Amino acid sequence: QVQLIESGGGLVQAGGSLRLSCAASGRTFSIYTMGWFRQAPGKERELVARINWSGSDTAYANAVKDRFTISRDYAKNSVYLQMNSLKPEDTAVYYCTVRTGASFDYWGQGTQVTVSS
């Protein structure tokens, strides 16, 4: 089992920045990849960014490239999502997730990000 605790969501004006944090505990040695998904009202959950355990490989959704940066702190078993130049369309619940097997299989409780225009 892996437990994930997220923090850092909130309300921000368009053009502003937020930093999401996610701390993992439990069987962290089994984690291959950490990532962030988001789900807006009426939409499917979508992958925002992912990073491998060593931090050497990252990937981003096209909608957030050059605005969001995913990073991790190996010593703290944590992953972060720095979100800059936020847009109203970034409004969603953001979920931290990890992959220990073939797919992302552990999820945080979600944190709300609201971007006002």
N, C-alpha and C. Protein backbone atom coordinates (compact mmCIF):
# COMPACT_ATOMS: atom_id res chain seq x y z
N GLN A 1 0.84 -1.20 0.00
CA GLN A 1 0.00 0.00 0.00
C GLN A 1 0.87 1.25 0.00
N VAL A 2 0.40 2.24 -0.73
CA VAL A 2 1.05 3.55 -0.75
C VAL A 2 0.00 4.60 -0.39
N GLN A 3 0.34 5.46 0.53
CA GLN A 3 -0.57 6.55 0.89
C GLN A 3 -0.02 7.86 0.32
N LEU A 4 -0.94 8.69 -0.17
CA LEU A 4 -0.56 9.95 -0.79
C LEU A 4 -1.32 11.10 -0.15
N ILE A 5 -0.60 12.11 0.27
CA ILE A 5 -1.20 13.29 0.87
C ILE A 5 -0.83 14.51 0.04
N GLU A 6 -1.84 15.19 -0.49
CA GLU A 6 -1.63 16.35 -1.34
C GLU A 6 -1.85 17.63 -0.56
N SER A 7 -1.26 18.69 -1.04
CA SER A 7 -1.49 20.02 -0.48
C SER A 7 -1.13 21.07 -1.52
N GLY A 8 -1.60 22.29 -1.30
CA GLY A 8 -1.18 23.39 -2.14
C GLY A 8 -2.22 23.94 -3.10
N GLY A 9 -3.40 23.37 -3.15
CA GLY A 9 -4.43 23.91 -4.04
C GLY A 9 -4.97 25.22 -3.50
N GLY A 10 -5.85 25.84 -4.29
CA GLY A 10 -6.44 27.08 -3.83
C GLY A 10 -7.02 27.88 -4.97
N LEU A 11 -7.30 29.14 -4.68
CA LEU A 11 -7.87 30.07 -5.65
C LEU A 11 -6.80 31.07 -6.07
N VAL A 12 -6.68 31.26 -7.37
CA VAL A 12 -5.67 32.19 -7.89
C VAL A 12 -6.24 32.88 -9.11
N GLN A 13 -5.76 34.08 -9.36
CA GLN A 13 -6.18 34.79 -10.56
C GLN A 13 -5.43 34.27 -11.78
N ALA A 14 -6.04 34.44 -12.93
CA ALA A 14 -5.39 34.05 -14.18
C ALA A 14 -4.03 34.74 -14.28
N GLY A 15 -3.05 33.96 -14.72
CA GLY A 15 -1.69 34.47 -14.81
C GLY A 15 -0.86 34.21 -13.57
N GLY A 16 -1.51 33.77 -12.52
CA GLY A 16 -0.81 33.50 -11.26
C GLY A 16 -0.18 32.13 -11.23
N SER A 17 0.35 31.79 -10.06
CA SER A 17 1.06 30.53 -9.88
C SER A 17 0.59 29.82 -8.62
N LEU A 18 0.70 28.51 -8.66
CA LEU A 18 0.47 27.66 -7.49
C LEU A 18 1.46 26.52 -7.55
N ARG A 19 1.77 25.98 -6.37
CA ARG A 19 2.64 24.81 -6.30
C ARG A 19 1.92 23.73 -5.50
N LEU A 20 1.70 22.60 -6.14
CA LEU A 20 1.09 21.45 -5.48
C LEU A 20 2.19 20.53 -4.97
N SER A 21 1.93 19.95 -3.80
CA SER A 21 2.86 19.00 -3.20
C SER A 21 2.14 17.70 -2.91
N CYS A 22 2.88 16.61 -2.97
CA CYS A 22 2.32 15.30 -2.67
C CYS A 22 3.38 14.47 -1.97
N ALA A 23 3.06 14.02 -0.76
CA ALA A 23 4.00 13.19 0.00
C ALA A 23 3.51 11.75 0.00
N ALA A 24 4.40 10.85 -0.34
CA ALA A 24 4.07 9.42 -0.37
C ALA A 24 4.63 8.74 0.87
N SER A 25 3.87 7.76 1.36
CA SER A 25 4.34 6.95 2.49
C SER A 25 3.90 5.52 2.27
N GLY A 26 4.43 4.63 3.08
CA GLY A 26 4.11 3.22 2.92
C GLY A 26 5.15 2.52 2.06
N ARG A 27 4.73 1.71 1.13
CA ARG A 27 5.63 0.91 0.29
C ARG A 27 6.18 1.75 -0.87
N THR A 28 6.88 2.82 -0.52
CA THR A 28 7.39 3.73 -1.56
C THR A 28 8.46 3.09 -2.43
N PHE A 29 9.08 2.02 -1.93
CA PHE A 29 10.11 1.35 -2.73
C PHE A 29 9.52 0.70 -3.97
N SER A 30 8.18 0.54 -4.00
CA SER A 30 7.53 -0.11 -5.13
C SER A 30 7.09 0.87 -6.21
N ILE A 31 7.37 2.15 -6.02
CA ILE A 31 6.91 3.17 -6.97
C ILE A 31 7.83 3.27 -8.18
N TYR A 32 7.24 3.19 -9.38
CA TYR A 32 7.98 3.40 -10.61
C TYR A 32 7.85 4.84 -11.11
N THR A 33 6.64 5.36 -11.03
CA THR A 33 6.32 6.66 -11.61
C THR A 33 5.38 7.41 -10.67
N MET A 34 5.56 8.72 -10.61
CA MET A 34 4.62 9.58 -9.89
C MET A 34 4.03 10.57 -10.87
N GLY A 35 2.81 10.97 -10.63
CA GLY A 35 2.18 11.86 -11.59
C GLY A 35 1.06 12.68 -10.99
N TRP A 36 0.58 13.59 -11.82
CA TRP A 36 -0.57 14.41 -11.46
C TRP A 36 -1.61 14.29 -12.57
N PHE A 37 -2.84 14.02 -12.17
CA PHE A 37 -3.99 14.06 -13.06
C PHE A 37 -4.88 15.21 -12.62
N ARG A 38 -5.81 15.58 -13.47
CA ARG A 38 -6.80 16.55 -13.06
C ARG A 38 -8.15 16.19 -13.68
N GLN A 39 -9.19 16.64 -13.00
CA GLN A 39 -10.53 16.40 -13.50
C GLN A 39 -11.37 17.65 -13.30
N ALA A 40 -11.82 18.21 -14.41
CA ALA A 40 -12.70 19.37 -14.38
C ALA A 40 -14.15 18.89 -14.38
N PRO A 41 -15.07 19.72 -13.92
CA PRO A 41 -16.48 19.32 -13.90
C PRO A 41 -16.97 18.91 -15.29
N GLY A 42 -17.59 17.76 -15.35
CA GLY A 42 -18.14 17.29 -16.61
C GLY A 42 -17.13 16.72 -17.58
N LYS A 43 -15.88 16.62 -17.15
CA LYS A 43 -14.84 16.10 -18.04
C LYS A 43 -14.18 14.87 -17.43
N GLU A 44 -13.51 14.13 -18.29
CA GLU A 44 -12.79 12.94 -17.81
C GLU A 44 -11.49 13.36 -17.13
N ARG A 45 -11.04 12.49 -16.26
CA ARG A 45 -9.74 12.71 -15.61
C ARG A 45 -8.64 12.59 -16.66
N GLU A 46 -7.69 13.53 -16.65
CA GLU A 46 -6.63 13.52 -17.64
C GLU A 46 -5.27 13.65 -16.98
N LEU A 47 -4.28 13.05 -17.61
CA LEU A 47 -2.91 13.13 -17.12
C LEU A 47 -2.36 14.53 -17.39
N VAL A 48 -1.80 15.14 -16.38
CA VAL A 48 -1.19 16.46 -16.52
C VAL A 48 0.32 16.33 -16.69
N ALA A 49 0.94 15.56 -15.82
CA ALA A 49 2.40 15.39 -15.88
C ALA A 49 2.79 14.14 -15.11
N ARG A 50 3.92 13.56 -15.50
CA ARG A 50 4.43 12.39 -14.78
C ARG A 50 5.94 12.48 -14.73
N ILE A 51 6.51 11.77 -13.76
CA ILE A 51 7.95 11.75 -13.58
C ILE A 51 8.34 10.38 -13.07
N ASN A 52 9.45 9.85 -13.57
CA ASN A 52 9.86 8.53 -13.09
C ASN A 52 10.54 8.67 -11.73
N TRP A 53 10.75 7.53 -11.09
CA TRP A 53 11.20 7.55 -9.70
C TRP A 53 12.54 8.27 -9.53
N SER A 54 13.41 8.14 -10.51
CA SER A 54 14.72 8.77 -10.39
C SER A 54 14.68 10.25 -10.75
N GLY A 55 13.58 10.67 -11.38
CA GLY A 55 13.48 12.06 -11.78
C GLY A 55 14.13 12.37 -13.11
N SER A 56 14.59 11.35 -13.81
CA SER A 56 15.32 11.57 -15.05
C SER A 56 14.42 11.70 -16.27
N ASP A 57 13.16 11.35 -16.14
CA ASP A 57 12.24 11.36 -17.28
C ASP A 57 10.92 12.00 -16.87
N THR A 58 10.48 12.97 -17.64
CA THR A 58 9.21 13.64 -17.38
C THR A 58 8.40 13.72 -18.66
N ALA A 59 7.10 13.90 -18.50
CA ALA A 59 6.21 14.09 -19.64
C ALA A 59 5.06 14.97 -19.21
N TYR A 60 4.54 15.74 -20.18
CA TYR A 60 3.48 16.70 -19.88
C TYR A 60 2.37 16.63 -20.92
N ALA A 61 1.18 16.97 -20.48
CA ALA A 61 0.09 17.16 -21.43
C ALA A 61 0.40 18.41 -22.26
N ASN A 62 -0.04 18.40 -23.50
CA ASN A 62 0.23 19.54 -24.39
C ASN A 62 -0.32 20.84 -23.80
N ALA A 63 -1.45 20.74 -23.12
CA ALA A 63 -2.11 21.94 -22.61
C ALA A 63 -1.31 22.65 -21.52
N VAL A 64 -0.35 21.96 -20.89
CA VAL A 64 0.38 22.56 -19.78
C VAL A 64 1.87 22.69 -20.05
N LYS A 65 2.32 22.19 -21.19
CA LYS A 65 3.75 22.30 -21.51
C LYS A 65 4.21 23.74 -21.46
N ASP A 66 5.38 23.95 -20.95
CA ASP A 66 6.02 25.26 -20.83
C ASP A 66 5.39 26.14 -19.77
N ARG A 67 4.36 25.63 -19.08
CA ARG A 67 3.76 26.38 -17.96
C ARG A 67 3.89 25.63 -16.64
N PHE A 68 3.80 24.32 -16.70
CA PHE A 68 3.86 23.49 -15.50
C PHE A 68 5.19 22.73 -15.47
N THR A 69 5.68 22.50 -14.26
CA THR A 69 6.90 21.73 -14.08
C THR A 69 6.70 20.72 -12.96
N ILE A 70 6.96 19.46 -13.27
CA ILE A 70 6.88 18.41 -12.26
C ILE A 70 8.29 18.11 -11.76
N SER A 71 8.41 17.89 -10.47
CA SER A 71 9.71 17.56 -9.90
C SER A 71 9.49 16.67 -8.68
N ARG A 72 10.58 16.09 -8.19
CA ARG A 72 10.44 15.23 -7.03
C ARG A 72 11.62 15.37 -6.09
N ASP A 73 11.37 15.06 -4.87
CA ASP A 73 12.40 15.05 -3.85
C ASP A 73 12.50 13.62 -3.35
N TYR A 74 13.57 12.95 -3.74
CA TYR A 74 13.70 11.53 -3.43
C TYR A 74 13.76 11.31 -1.92
N ALA A 75 14.47 12.15 -1.23
CA ALA A 75 14.64 11.98 0.22
C ALA A 75 13.33 12.13 0.97
N LYS A 76 12.43 12.96 0.45
CA LYS A 76 11.15 13.21 1.11
C LYS A 76 10.02 12.39 0.52
N ASN A 77 10.33 11.53 -0.45
CA ASN A 77 9.29 10.74 -1.13
C ASN A 77 8.15 11.62 -1.60
N SER A 78 8.50 12.75 -2.16
CA SER A 78 7.50 13.74 -2.55
C SER A 78 7.62 14.11 -4.01
N VAL A 79 6.49 14.54 -4.55
CA VAL A 79 6.45 15.05 -5.92
C VAL A 79 5.73 16.39 -5.88
N TYR A 80 6.14 17.27 -6.77
CA TYR A 80 5.61 18.63 -6.80
C TYR A 80 5.14 18.98 -8.21
N LEU A 81 4.21 19.90 -8.28
CA LEU A 81 3.76 20.43 -9.57
C LEU A 81 3.74 21.95 -9.45
N GLN A 82 4.71 22.58 -10.09
CA GLN A 82 4.75 24.04 -10.13
C GLN A 82 3.92 24.49 -11.32
N MET A 83 2.91 25.28 -11.06
CA MET A 83 1.99 25.71 -12.10
C MET A 83 2.09 27.23 -12.25
N ASN A 84 2.56 27.64 -13.41
CA ASN A 84 2.71 29.07 -13.71
C ASN A 84 1.77 29.47 -14.84
N SER A 85 1.56 30.77 -14.97
CA SER A 85 0.70 31.30 -16.04
C SER A 85 -0.63 30.57 -16.08
N LEU A 86 -1.23 30.43 -14.93
CA LEU A 86 -2.48 29.66 -14.84
C LEU A 86 -3.60 30.31 -15.62
N LYS A 87 -4.44 29.46 -16.19
CA LYS A 87 -5.57 29.89 -17.00
C LYS A 87 -6.86 29.38 -16.38
N PRO A 88 -7.98 30.02 -16.66
CA PRO A 88 -9.25 29.51 -16.12
C PRO A 88 -9.52 28.05 -16.49
N GLU A 89 -9.05 27.64 -17.65
CA GLU A 89 -9.26 26.26 -18.07
C GLU A 89 -8.40 25.26 -17.29
N ASP A 90 -7.52 25.73 -16.45
CA ASP A 90 -6.76 24.85 -15.57
C ASP A 90 -7.56 24.50 -14.31
N THR A 91 -8.69 25.13 -14.13
CA THR A 91 -9.53 24.86 -12.97
C THR A 91 -9.98 23.40 -12.97
N ALA A 92 -9.69 22.72 -11.87
CA ALA A 92 -10.00 21.29 -11.75
C ALA A 92 -9.61 20.80 -10.37
N VAL A 93 -9.99 19.58 -10.08
CA VAL A 93 -9.44 18.88 -8.93
C VAL A 93 -8.20 18.16 -9.41
N TYR A 94 -7.10 18.37 -8.74
CA TYR A 94 -5.83 17.77 -9.11
C TYR A 94 -5.53 16.60 -8.17
N TYR A 95 -5.16 15.47 -8.78
CA TYR A 95 -4.91 14.25 -8.03
C TYR A 95 -3.46 13.82 -8.20
N CYS A 96 -2.83 13.52 -7.10
CA CYS A 96 -1.52 12.90 -7.13
C CYS A 96 -1.70 11.39 -7.28
N THR A 97 -0.82 10.75 -8.03
CA THR A 97 -0.95 9.32 -8.24
C THR A 97 0.43 8.70 -8.41
N VAL A 98 0.52 7.40 -8.14
CA VAL A 98 1.75 6.67 -8.36
C VAL A 98 1.44 5.38 -9.10
N ARG A 99 2.46 4.91 -9.79
CA ARG A 99 2.35 3.64 -10.50
C ARG A 99 3.32 2.66 -9.86
N THR A 100 2.77 1.56 -9.36
CA THR A 100 3.62 0.50 -8.81
C THR A 100 3.57 -0.75 -9.66
N GLY A 101 2.68 -0.74 -10.64
CA GLY A 101 2.53 -1.90 -11.52
C GLY A 101 2.34 -1.44 -12.94
N ALA A 102 1.36 -1.99 -13.61
CA ALA A 102 1.14 -1.68 -15.02
C ALA A 102 0.46 -0.34 -15.23
N SER A 103 -0.18 0.18 -14.20
CA SER A 103 -0.89 1.44 -14.37
C SER A 103 -0.84 2.22 -13.06
N PHE A 104 -1.32 3.47 -13.10
CA PHE A 104 -1.39 4.26 -11.88
C PHE A 104 -2.41 3.61 -10.95
N ASP A 105 -1.96 3.23 -9.75
CA ASP A 105 -2.82 2.40 -8.92
C ASP A 105 -3.07 2.94 -7.51
N TYR A 106 -2.42 4.02 -7.14
CA TYR A 106 -2.74 4.67 -5.86
C TYR A 106 -2.98 6.15 -6.11
N TRP A 107 -3.98 6.68 -5.40
CA TRP A 107 -4.41 8.05 -5.66
C TRP A 107 -4.54 8.82 -4.36
N GLY A 108 -4.25 10.11 -4.44
CA GLY A 108 -4.52 11.00 -3.32
C GLY A 108 -5.99 11.40 -3.32
N GLN A 109 -6.34 12.20 -2.34
CA GLN A 109 -7.75 12.58 -2.18
C GLN A 109 -8.16 13.71 -3.10
N GLY A 110 -7.18 14.36 -3.71
CA GLY A 110 -7.48 15.46 -4.63
C GLY A 110 -7.41 16.81 -3.95
N THR A 111 -6.99 17.80 -4.70
CA THR A 111 -6.94 19.16 -4.19
C THR A 111 -7.50 20.10 -5.25
N GLN A 112 -8.36 21.01 -4.83
CA GLN A 112 -9.04 21.89 -5.77
C GLN A 112 -8.13 23.04 -6.18
N VAL A 113 -8.07 23.27 -7.48
CA VAL A 113 -7.39 24.45 -8.03
C VAL A 113 -8.43 25.23 -8.82
N THR A 114 -8.62 26.48 -8.45
CA THR A 114 -9.57 27.34 -9.13
C THR A 114 -8.86 28.58 -9.62
N VAL A 115 -8.98 28.83 -10.92
CA VAL A 115 -8.34 29.99 -11.54
C VAL A 115 -9.43 30.93 -12.01
N SER A 116 -9.44 32.11 -11.46
CA SER A 116 -10.46 33.10 -11.83
C SER A 116 -9.96 33.98 -12.97
N SER A 117 -10.89 34.40 -13.78
CA SER A 117 -10.52 35.23 -14.95
C SER A 117 -10.55 36.71 -14.60
